[in-house]
């Protein structure tokens, strides 16, 4: 009887964890989608108003990058939850490691594109003016 209750509790925990991970993934996709829509709307408004194309392009690129970075971080969190809690086998941990490496590379690429520096380098003391804040 106790083993059956323990099994039911474990199954409930696994289902709840899958639900939480799915929620984190949906949040990540929602953030990426909303940031893309908002960034594009701001870009188009600036373009229609006749603002400097270089300035609105740079602002657009930064805003899109920030949304993507946040979304990627949340996707990594969801992968960690799924791998560690659900099935921490060597194969799953290896797949998680590969996913984290790929997403880390993507994050670094976005940081380089946005900030024109490597993530481990200090930011310039005289940053460009950024009207997106």
N, C-alpha and C. Protein backbone atom coordinates (compact mmCIF):
# COMPACT_ATOMS: atom_id res chain seq x y z
N UNK A 1 0.82 -1.19 0.00
CA UNK A 1 0.00 0.00 0.00
C UNK A 1 0.87 1.26 0.00
N UNK A 2 1.91 1.25 0.83
CA UNK A 2 2.80 2.39 0.93
C UNK A 2 3.56 2.60 -0.38
N UNK A 3 3.97 1.50 -1.03
CA UNK A 3 4.69 1.59 -2.30
C UNK A 3 3.80 2.20 -3.37
N UNK A 4 2.52 1.85 -3.35
CA UNK A 4 1.59 2.40 -4.33
C UNK A 4 1.40 3.90 -4.11
N UNK A 5 1.29 4.32 -2.85
CA UNK A 5 1.15 5.74 -2.53
C UNK A 5 2.40 6.50 -2.94
N UNK A 6 3.56 5.91 -2.71
CA UNK A 6 4.82 6.53 -3.10
C UNK A 6 4.91 6.66 -4.61
N UNK A 7 4.47 5.62 -5.33
CA UNK A 7 4.47 5.66 -6.78
C UNK A 7 3.53 6.72 -7.32
N UNK A 8 2.37 6.86 -6.69
CA UNK A 8 1.41 7.88 -7.11
C UNK A 8 1.95 9.28 -6.87
N UNK A 9 2.61 9.46 -5.73
CA UNK A 9 3.21 10.75 -5.42
C UNK A 9 4.31 11.09 -6.41
N UNK A 10 5.12 10.09 -6.75
CA UNK A 10 6.19 10.31 -7.71
C UNK A 10 5.62 10.66 -9.08
N UNK A 11 4.57 9.98 -9.50
CA UNK A 11 3.93 10.27 -10.78
C UNK A 11 3.33 11.68 -10.78
N UNK A 12 2.71 12.07 -9.68
CA UNK A 12 2.16 13.42 -9.55
C UNK A 12 3.26 14.47 -9.64
N UNK A 13 4.38 14.21 -8.97
CA UNK A 13 5.52 15.13 -9.00
C UNK A 13 6.07 15.26 -10.42
N UNK A 14 6.19 14.14 -11.13
CA UNK A 14 6.69 14.18 -12.50
C UNK A 14 5.75 14.95 -13.42
N UNK A 15 4.45 14.73 -13.27
CA UNK A 15 3.47 15.45 -14.08
C UNK A 15 3.52 16.94 -13.78
N UNK A 16 3.62 17.30 -12.50
CA UNK A 16 3.68 18.70 -12.10
C UNK A 16 4.95 19.36 -12.65
N UNK A 17 6.06 18.64 -12.60
CA UNK A 17 7.32 19.18 -13.11
C UNK A 17 7.26 19.40 -14.61
N UNK A 18 6.67 18.45 -15.34
CA UNK A 18 6.49 18.63 -16.78
C UNK A 18 5.63 19.86 -17.07
N UNK A 19 4.58 20.05 -16.26
CA UNK A 19 3.70 21.20 -16.42
C UNK A 19 4.46 22.50 -16.17
N UNK A 20 5.28 22.54 -15.13
CA UNK A 20 6.07 23.73 -14.81
C UNK A 20 7.06 24.03 -15.93
N UNK A 21 7.75 23.00 -16.42
CA UNK A 21 8.71 23.19 -17.51
C UNK A 21 8.01 23.71 -18.76
N UNK A 22 6.85 23.17 -19.06
CA UNK A 22 6.08 23.65 -20.21
C UNK A 22 5.68 25.11 -20.01
N UNK A 23 5.29 25.46 -18.79
CA UNK A 23 4.96 26.85 -18.49
C UNK A 23 6.14 27.79 -18.70
N UNK A 24 7.33 27.36 -18.29
CA UNK A 24 8.54 28.16 -18.49
C UNK A 24 8.82 28.32 -19.98
N UNK A 25 8.67 27.23 -20.73
CA UNK A 25 8.89 27.29 -22.18
C UNK A 25 7.88 28.22 -22.85
N UNK A 26 6.62 28.16 -22.44
CA UNK A 26 5.60 29.05 -23.00
C UNK A 26 5.90 30.51 -22.65
N UNK A 27 6.38 30.75 -21.44
CA UNK A 27 6.76 32.10 -21.03
C UNK A 27 7.90 32.61 -21.92
N UNK A 28 8.88 31.75 -22.18
CA UNK A 28 10.01 32.13 -23.03
C UNK A 28 9.54 32.50 -24.43
N UNK A 29 8.70 31.67 -25.00
CA UNK A 29 8.18 31.93 -26.35
C UNK A 29 7.35 33.21 -26.36
N UNK A 30 6.55 33.41 -25.32
CA UNK A 30 5.72 34.62 -25.22
C UNK A 30 6.59 35.87 -25.15
N UNK A 31 7.64 35.81 -24.34
CA UNK A 31 8.55 36.96 -24.22
C UNK A 31 9.21 37.26 -25.57
N UNK A 32 9.67 36.23 -26.25
CA UNK A 32 10.30 36.43 -27.56
C UNK A 32 9.29 37.02 -28.55
N UNK A 33 8.09 36.49 -28.57
CA UNK A 33 7.06 36.97 -29.48
C UNK A 33 6.68 38.42 -29.18
N UNK A 34 6.41 38.73 -27.92
CA UNK A 34 6.02 40.10 -27.55
C UNK A 34 7.14 41.08 -27.82
N UNK A 35 8.38 40.70 -27.47
CA UNK A 35 9.49 41.63 -27.70
C UNK A 35 9.70 41.86 -29.20
N UNK A 36 9.46 40.84 -30.01
CA UNK A 36 9.57 41.00 -31.46
C UNK A 36 8.50 41.95 -31.99
N UNK A 37 7.28 41.77 -31.53
CA UNK A 37 6.18 42.63 -31.98
C UNK A 37 6.40 44.08 -31.54
N UNK A 38 6.72 44.27 -30.27
CA UNK A 38 6.93 45.63 -29.75
C UNK A 38 8.13 46.29 -30.43
N UNK A 39 9.22 45.57 -30.57
CA UNK A 39 10.41 46.12 -31.22
C UNK A 39 10.13 46.51 -32.67
N UNK A 40 9.38 45.67 -33.35
CA UNK A 40 9.04 45.95 -34.75
C UNK A 40 8.13 47.17 -34.84
N UNK A 41 7.18 47.28 -33.94
CA UNK A 41 6.28 48.45 -33.94
C UNK A 41 7.08 49.74 -33.69
N UNK A 42 8.01 49.71 -32.74
CA UNK A 42 8.84 50.88 -32.46
C UNK A 42 9.71 51.21 -33.67
N UNK A 43 10.27 50.18 -34.31
CA UNK A 43 11.08 50.37 -35.51
C UNK A 43 10.26 51.03 -36.61
N UNK A 44 9.07 50.49 -36.86
CA UNK A 44 8.23 51.04 -37.93
C UNK A 44 7.80 52.47 -37.63
N UNK A 45 7.48 52.75 -36.37
CA UNK A 45 7.10 54.12 -35.99
C UNK A 45 8.26 55.09 -36.26
N UNK A 46 9.48 54.68 -35.88
CA UNK A 46 10.64 55.52 -36.15
C UNK A 46 10.89 55.70 -37.63
N UNK A 47 10.69 54.63 -38.39
CA UNK A 47 10.89 54.69 -39.84
C UNK A 47 9.87 55.65 -40.48
N UNK A 48 8.61 55.54 -40.05
CA UNK A 48 7.55 56.41 -40.58
C UNK A 48 7.80 57.86 -40.21
N UNK A 49 8.30 58.10 -38.99
CA UNK A 49 8.57 59.47 -38.55
C UNK A 49 9.81 60.05 -39.22
N UNK A 50 10.54 59.23 -39.97
CA UNK A 50 11.70 59.73 -40.69
C UNK A 50 12.97 59.85 -39.85
N UNK A 51 13.02 59.10 -38.75
CA UNK A 51 14.23 59.12 -37.92
C UNK A 51 15.38 58.49 -38.68
N UNK A 52 16.57 58.71 -38.19
CA UNK A 52 17.78 58.17 -38.81
C UNK A 52 17.66 56.65 -38.93
N UNK A 53 17.86 56.16 -40.15
CA UNK A 53 17.73 54.72 -40.38
C UNK A 53 18.76 53.93 -39.59
N UNK A 54 19.95 54.47 -39.47
CA UNK A 54 21.00 53.78 -38.71
C UNK A 54 20.61 53.70 -37.24
N UNK A 55 20.08 54.78 -36.70
CA UNK A 55 19.70 54.82 -35.28
C UNK A 55 18.55 53.88 -34.99
N UNK A 56 17.53 53.89 -35.86
CA UNK A 56 16.39 53.01 -35.56
C UNK A 56 16.75 51.54 -35.79
N UNK A 57 17.66 51.29 -36.74
CA UNK A 57 18.12 49.91 -36.94
C UNK A 57 18.89 49.42 -35.71
N UNK A 58 19.79 50.25 -35.20
CA UNK A 58 20.57 49.86 -34.02
C UNK A 58 19.65 49.63 -32.81
N UNK A 59 18.68 50.52 -32.61
CA UNK A 59 17.75 50.36 -31.49
C UNK A 59 16.91 49.09 -31.67
N UNK A 60 16.50 48.82 -32.89
CA UNK A 60 15.71 47.62 -33.19
C UNK A 60 16.52 46.37 -32.89
N UNK A 61 17.76 46.36 -33.34
CA UNK A 61 18.64 45.22 -33.11
C UNK A 61 18.85 44.97 -31.61
N UNK A 62 19.05 46.03 -30.85
CA UNK A 62 19.26 45.91 -29.40
C UNK A 62 18.00 45.39 -28.71
N UNK A 63 16.85 45.94 -29.07
CA UNK A 63 15.60 45.51 -28.44
C UNK A 63 15.28 44.06 -28.77
N UNK A 64 15.46 43.67 -30.02
CA UNK A 64 15.23 42.28 -30.39
C UNK A 64 16.19 41.35 -29.65
N UNK A 65 17.45 41.75 -29.59
CA UNK A 65 18.46 40.94 -28.92
C UNK A 65 18.15 40.72 -27.45
N UNK A 66 17.70 41.77 -26.78
CA UNK A 66 17.37 41.63 -25.36
C UNK A 66 16.23 40.65 -25.13
N UNK A 67 15.21 40.72 -25.98
CA UNK A 67 14.10 39.77 -25.88
C UNK A 67 14.55 38.34 -26.14
N UNK A 68 15.39 38.17 -27.15
CA UNK A 68 15.92 36.83 -27.45
C UNK A 68 16.78 36.29 -26.32
N UNK A 69 17.61 37.15 -25.75
CA UNK A 69 18.46 36.71 -24.63
C UNK A 69 17.63 36.22 -23.45
N UNK A 70 16.61 36.98 -23.10
CA UNK A 70 15.76 36.58 -21.98
C UNK A 70 15.03 35.28 -22.30
N UNK A 71 14.52 35.16 -23.51
CA UNK A 71 13.85 33.93 -23.92
C UNK A 71 14.77 32.73 -23.89
N UNK A 72 16.00 32.89 -24.37
CA UNK A 72 16.97 31.79 -24.34
C UNK A 72 17.29 31.36 -22.91
N UNK A 73 17.44 32.33 -22.02
CA UNK A 73 17.73 31.99 -20.62
C UNK A 73 16.59 31.16 -20.02
N UNK A 74 15.37 31.54 -20.32
CA UNK A 74 14.23 30.79 -19.80
C UNK A 74 14.14 29.39 -20.42
N UNK A 75 14.47 29.27 -21.70
CA UNK A 75 14.46 27.95 -22.34
C UNK A 75 15.52 27.03 -21.71
N UNK A 76 16.66 27.59 -21.36
CA UNK A 76 17.70 26.80 -20.67
C UNK A 76 17.17 26.34 -19.31
N UNK A 77 16.49 27.25 -18.60
CA UNK A 77 15.92 26.88 -17.29
C UNK A 77 14.93 25.74 -17.43
N UNK A 78 14.08 25.79 -18.44
CA UNK A 78 13.10 24.72 -18.66
C UNK A 78 13.80 23.40 -18.97
N UNK A 79 14.85 23.45 -19.78
CA UNK A 79 15.60 22.23 -20.09
C UNK A 79 16.24 21.64 -18.85
N UNK A 80 16.77 22.49 -17.99
CA UNK A 80 17.39 22.00 -16.76
C UNK A 80 16.36 21.33 -15.87
N UNK A 81 15.20 21.96 -15.73
CA UNK A 81 14.14 21.37 -14.90
C UNK A 81 13.76 19.99 -15.44
N UNK A 82 13.54 19.92 -16.74
CA UNK A 82 13.13 18.65 -17.33
C UNK A 82 14.20 17.57 -17.18
N UNK A 83 15.44 17.93 -17.43
CA UNK A 83 16.51 16.93 -17.40
C UNK A 83 16.84 16.48 -15.99
N UNK A 84 17.02 17.41 -15.09
CA UNK A 84 17.47 17.06 -13.75
C UNK A 84 16.37 16.39 -12.94
N UNK A 85 15.16 16.90 -13.03
CA UNK A 85 14.08 16.38 -12.20
C UNK A 85 13.45 15.13 -12.79
N UNK A 86 13.23 15.12 -14.09
CA UNK A 86 12.49 14.01 -14.68
C UNK A 86 13.35 12.78 -14.92
N UNK A 87 14.41 12.93 -15.69
CA UNK A 87 15.23 11.77 -16.03
C UNK A 87 16.71 12.16 -16.06
N UNK A 88 17.37 12.16 -14.92
CA UNK A 88 18.78 12.56 -14.90
C UNK A 88 19.73 11.44 -15.33
N UNK A 89 19.49 10.88 -16.51
CA UNK A 89 20.38 9.84 -17.03
C UNK A 89 21.58 10.51 -17.68
N UNK A 90 22.64 9.74 -17.88
CA UNK A 90 23.84 10.28 -18.50
C UNK A 90 23.55 10.82 -19.90
N UNK A 91 22.74 10.10 -20.66
CA UNK A 91 22.40 10.55 -22.02
C UNK A 91 21.64 11.87 -21.99
N UNK A 92 20.67 12.00 -21.08
CA UNK A 92 19.89 13.24 -20.98
C UNK A 92 20.74 14.41 -20.51
N UNK A 93 21.65 14.14 -19.58
CA UNK A 93 22.54 15.20 -19.10
C UNK A 93 23.48 15.63 -20.23
N UNK A 94 23.93 14.69 -21.06
CA UNK A 94 24.79 15.03 -22.20
C UNK A 94 24.02 15.89 -23.21
N UNK A 95 22.77 15.53 -23.48
CA UNK A 95 21.95 16.33 -24.39
C UNK A 95 21.73 17.72 -23.80
N UNK A 96 21.47 17.80 -22.50
CA UNK A 96 21.32 19.10 -21.83
C UNK A 96 22.59 19.92 -21.99
N UNK A 97 23.74 19.29 -21.80
CA UNK A 97 25.02 19.99 -21.95
C UNK A 97 25.18 20.56 -23.35
N UNK A 98 24.81 19.79 -24.36
CA UNK A 98 24.91 20.26 -25.74
C UNK A 98 23.95 21.43 -25.98
N UNK A 99 22.72 21.31 -25.47
CA UNK A 99 21.74 22.40 -25.62
C UNK A 99 22.23 23.68 -24.94
N UNK A 100 22.78 23.53 -23.74
CA UNK A 100 23.28 24.70 -23.02
C UNK A 100 24.45 25.32 -23.78
N UNK A 101 25.34 24.50 -24.33
CA UNK A 101 26.45 25.04 -25.12
C UNK A 101 25.96 25.81 -26.34
N UNK A 102 25.00 25.24 -27.05
CA UNK A 102 24.47 25.92 -28.23
C UNK A 102 23.80 27.23 -27.84
N UNK A 103 22.99 27.19 -26.81
CA UNK A 103 22.28 28.41 -26.40
C UNK A 103 23.24 29.44 -25.81
N UNK A 104 24.30 28.98 -25.15
CA UNK A 104 25.32 29.91 -24.65
C UNK A 104 26.02 30.60 -25.82
N UNK A 105 26.37 29.83 -26.85
CA UNK A 105 26.98 30.41 -28.05
C UNK A 105 26.05 31.44 -28.68
N UNK A 106 24.76 31.10 -28.78
CA UNK A 106 23.80 32.04 -29.34
C UNK A 106 23.71 33.31 -28.49
N UNK A 107 23.69 33.14 -27.17
CA UNK A 107 23.63 34.29 -26.27
C UNK A 107 24.86 35.18 -26.44
N UNK A 108 26.03 34.56 -26.51
CA UNK A 108 27.26 35.33 -26.70
C UNK A 108 27.21 36.09 -28.03
N UNK A 109 26.73 35.42 -29.06
CA UNK A 109 26.63 36.07 -30.37
C UNK A 109 25.72 37.28 -30.32
N UNK A 110 24.61 37.15 -29.60
CA UNK A 110 23.68 38.27 -29.47
C UNK A 110 24.31 39.41 -28.67
N UNK A 111 25.02 39.09 -27.59
CA UNK A 111 25.69 40.12 -26.80
C UNK A 111 26.72 40.86 -27.65
N UNK A 112 27.49 40.12 -28.44
CA UNK A 112 28.47 40.76 -29.32
C UNK A 112 27.77 41.68 -30.31
N UNK A 113 26.66 41.23 -30.86
CA UNK A 113 25.92 42.04 -31.83
C UNK A 113 25.34 43.30 -31.18
N UNK A 114 24.82 43.17 -29.96
CA UNK A 114 24.18 44.30 -29.29
C UNK A 114 25.21 45.27 -28.71
N UNK A 115 26.18 44.73 -27.97
CA UNK A 115 27.08 45.57 -27.19
C UNK A 115 28.46 45.76 -27.82
N UNK A 116 28.72 45.08 -28.92
CA UNK A 116 30.00 45.19 -29.62
C UNK A 116 31.18 44.85 -28.72
N UNK A 117 30.99 43.84 -27.87
CA UNK A 117 32.05 43.36 -26.99
C UNK A 117 31.71 41.93 -26.59
N UNK A 118 32.72 41.18 -26.13
CA UNK A 118 32.48 39.84 -25.62
C UNK A 118 31.82 39.93 -24.25
N UNK A 119 31.01 38.95 -23.88
CA UNK A 119 30.30 39.01 -22.60
C UNK A 119 31.22 39.15 -21.39
N UNK A 120 32.43 38.65 -21.47
CA UNK A 120 33.32 38.71 -20.32
C UNK A 120 34.14 40.01 -20.27
N UNK A 121 34.02 40.84 -21.28
CA UNK A 121 34.73 42.12 -21.28
C UNK A 121 33.87 43.16 -20.58
N UNK A 122 34.55 44.11 -19.92
CA UNK A 122 33.81 45.17 -19.26
C UNK A 122 33.18 46.09 -20.28
N UNK A 123 32.03 46.62 -19.91
CA UNK A 123 31.36 47.57 -20.79
C UNK A 123 32.17 48.85 -20.85
N UNK A 124 32.04 49.56 -21.94
CA UNK A 124 32.73 50.84 -22.12
C UNK A 124 32.24 51.82 -21.07
N UNK A 125 33.14 52.68 -20.60
CA UNK A 125 32.74 53.69 -19.62
C UNK A 125 31.92 54.79 -20.25
N UNK A 126 32.00 54.89 -21.57
CA UNK A 126 31.26 55.92 -22.29
C UNK A 126 30.36 55.23 -23.32
N UNK A 127 29.27 54.62 -22.84
CA UNK A 127 28.40 53.89 -23.77
C UNK A 127 27.69 54.85 -24.72
N UNK A 128 27.30 54.29 -25.86
CA UNK A 128 26.51 55.06 -26.82
C UNK A 128 25.19 55.43 -26.16
N UNK A 129 24.61 56.54 -26.57
CA UNK A 129 23.32 56.88 -26.00
C UNK A 129 22.30 55.87 -26.47
N UNK A 130 21.49 55.39 -25.55
CA UNK A 130 20.50 54.36 -25.83
C UNK A 130 19.14 54.88 -25.40
N UNK A 131 18.29 55.19 -26.35
CA UNK A 131 16.98 55.75 -26.05
C UNK A 131 15.95 54.67 -25.79
N UNK A 132 16.36 53.39 -25.79
CA UNK A 132 15.39 52.30 -25.62
C UNK A 132 15.12 51.98 -24.17
N UNK A 133 15.85 52.60 -23.25
CA UNK A 133 15.66 52.29 -21.82
C UNK A 133 14.49 53.02 -21.25
